[in-house]
Amino acid sequence: MRDLFGDAPGAGPANGDIALALVLHDQTDKAWLLAETIDRRTAQWAPKSKATRGEGRDENIWTMPIWLAQERGWM
């Protein structure tokens, strides 16, 4: 299905997951350095094994377990 901007978004996050808009500051092979703002001093590492990055216009949307977002202070 397509919307005005291209592909329509799929279903929301799986049960127990949350989707957050975060800023990518850095990355390694195993983790992303993410923050809620452009202030790198508040950034926290999120393991790539536990989080996924959106694609296209949603590239700044990160889906992860709720416990991880709470642990990092993003919710």
C-alpha atoms as a PDB file:
ATOM      1  CA  MET A   1       0.000   0.000   0.000  1.00  0.00           C
ATOM      2  CA  ARG A   2       1.244   3.490  -0.807  1.00  0.00           C
ATOM      3  CA  ASP A   3       0.464   6.833   0.732  1.00  0.00           C
ATOM      4  CA  LEU A   4       1.174  10.411  -0.362  1.00  0.00           C
ATOM      5  CA  PHE A   5       4.884  10.029   0.492  1.00  0.00           C
ATOM      6  CA  GLY A   6       5.494   6.535  -0.909  1.00  0.00           C
ATOM      7  CA  ASP A   7       5.088   3.259   0.906  1.00  0.00           C
ATOM      8  CA  ALA A   8       2.613   3.350   3.736  1.00  0.00           C
ATOM      9  CA  PRO A   9       4.077   2.516   7.121  1.00  0.00           C
ATOM     10  CA  GLY A  10       3.767  -1.093   8.181  1.00  0.00           C
ATOM     11  CA  ALA A  11       2.289  -2.272  11.387  1.00  0.00           C
ATOM     12  CA  GLY A  12       3.549  -0.642  14.562  1.00  0.00           C
ATOM     13  CA  PRO A  13       6.215  -2.094  16.807  1.00  0.00           C
ATOM     14  CA  ALA A  14       5.841  -5.632  18.127  1.00  0.00           C
ATOM     15  CA  ASN A  15       4.345  -6.164  21.546  1.00  0.00           C
ATOM     16  CA  GLY A  16       6.914  -5.102  24.143  1.00  0.00           C
ATOM     17  CA  ASP A  17       8.738  -2.803  21.694  1.00  0.00           C
ATOM     18  CA  ILE A  18       8.644   0.947  21.200  1.00  0.00           C
ATOM     19  CA  ALA A  19       9.528   3.190  18.240  1.00  0.00           C
ATOM     20  CA  LEU A  20      11.428   6.375  19.105  1.00  0.00           C
ATOM     21  CA  ALA A  21      12.733   9.294  17.049  1.00  0.00           C
ATOM     22  CA  LEU A  22      16.420   9.563  17.986  1.00  0.00           C
ATOM     23  CA  VAL A  23      19.548  11.252  16.604  1.00  0.00           C
ATOM     24  CA  LEU A  24      22.409   9.010  15.452  1.00  0.00           C
ATOM     25  CA  HIS A  25      25.755  10.358  16.703  1.00  0.00           C
ATOM     26  CA  ASP A  26      28.093   7.441  15.945  1.00  0.00           C
ATOM     27  CA  GLN A  27      28.135   3.712  15.355  1.00  0.00           C
ATOM     28  CA  THR A  28      30.308   0.626  15.543  1.00  0.00           C
ATOM     29  CA  ASP A  29      29.789  -2.827  14.092  1.00  0.00           C
ATOM     30  CA  LYS A  30      27.747  -3.762  17.156  1.00  0.00           C
ATOM     31  CA  ALA A  31      26.038  -0.601  18.437  1.00  0.00           C
ATOM     32  CA  TRP A  32      24.581   2.821  17.652  1.00  0.00           C
ATOM     33  CA  LEU A  33      25.254   5.943  19.726  1.00  0.00           C
ATOM     34  CA  LEU A  34      21.826   7.597  20.018  1.00  0.00           C
ATOM     35  CA  ALA A  35      20.318  10.619  21.754  1.00  0.00           C
ATOM     36  CA  GLU A  36      17.000  12.448  21.868  1.00  0.00           C
ATOM     37  CA  THR A  37      18.731  15.700  20.844  1.00  0.00           C
ATOM     38  CA  ILE A  38      21.755  16.839  18.876  1.00  0.00           C
ATOM     39  CA  ASP A  39      23.658  17.130  22.163  1.00  0.00           C
ATOM     40  CA  ARG A  40      26.163  14.272  21.969  1.00  0.00           C
ATOM     41  CA  ARG A  41      26.833  14.501  25.728  1.00  0.00           C
ATOM     42  CA  THR A  42      23.461  12.876  26.416  1.00  0.00           C
ATOM     43  CA  ALA A  43      23.947  10.033  23.913  1.00  0.00           C
ATOM     44  CA  GLN A  44      23.733   6.379  24.981  1.00  0.00           C
ATOM     45  CA  TRP A  45      24.822   3.206  23.187  1.00  0.00           C
ATOM     46  CA  ALA A  46      22.125   0.843  21.891  1.00  0.00           C
ATOM     47  CA  PRO A  47      23.191  -2.635  20.717  1.00  0.00           C
ATOM     48  CA  LYS A  48      22.307  -3.413  17.103  1.00  0.00           C
ATOM     49  CA  SER A  49      21.206  -6.862  18.261  1.00  0.00           C
ATOM     50  CA  LYS A  50      18.366  -5.259  20.274  1.00  0.00           C
ATOM     51  CA  ALA A  51      17.386  -2.253  18.125  1.00  0.00           C
ATOM     52  CA  THR A  52      16.483  -1.719  14.487  1.00  0.00           C
ATOM     53  CA  ARG A  53      16.712   1.412  12.377  1.00  0.00           C
ATOM     54  CA  GLY A  54      13.901   2.574  10.131  1.00  0.00           C
ATOM     55  CA  GLU A  55      14.452   2.982   6.401  1.00  0.00           C
ATOM     56  CA  GLY A  56      13.946   5.841   3.985  1.00  0.00           C
ATOM     57  CA  ARG A  57      12.095   8.763   5.501  1.00  0.00           C
ATOM     58  CA  ASP A  58      11.969   6.843   8.795  1.00  0.00           C
ATOM     59  CA  GLU A  59      15.747   6.443   9.144  1.00  0.00           C
ATOM     60  CA  ASN A  60      15.697   8.329  12.461  1.00  0.00           C
ATOM     61  CA  ILE A  61      13.059   6.006  13.934  1.00  0.00           C
ATOM     62  CA  TRP A  62      14.537   3.276  16.126  1.00  0.00           C
ATOM     63  CA  THR A  63      12.537   0.282  17.333  1.00  0.00           C
ATOM     64  CA  MET A  64      13.710  -1.441  20.492  1.00  0.00           C
ATOM     65  CA  PRO A  65      12.385  -3.228  23.572  1.00  0.00           C
ATOM     66  CA  ILE A  66      10.696  -0.944  26.084  1.00  0.00           C
ATOM     67  CA  TRP A  67      13.115  -2.063  28.807  1.00  0.00           C
ATOM     68  CA  LEU A  68      16.091  -0.838  26.717  1.00  0.00           C
ATOM     69  CA  ALA A  69      14.513   2.578  26.092  1.00  0.00           C
ATOM     70  CA  GLN A  70      13.745   2.939  29.800  1.00  0.00           C
ATOM     71  CA  GLU A  71      17.245   1.829  30.802  1.00  0.00           C
ATOM     72  CA  ARG A  72      18.815   4.439  28.501  1.00  0.00           C
ATOM     73  CA  GLY A  73      16.486   7.215  29.743  1.00  0.00           C
ATOM     74  CA  TRP A  74      14.655   7.709  26.446  1.00  0.00           C
ATOM     75  CA  MET A  75      11.227   7.217  28.010  1.00  0.00           C
END
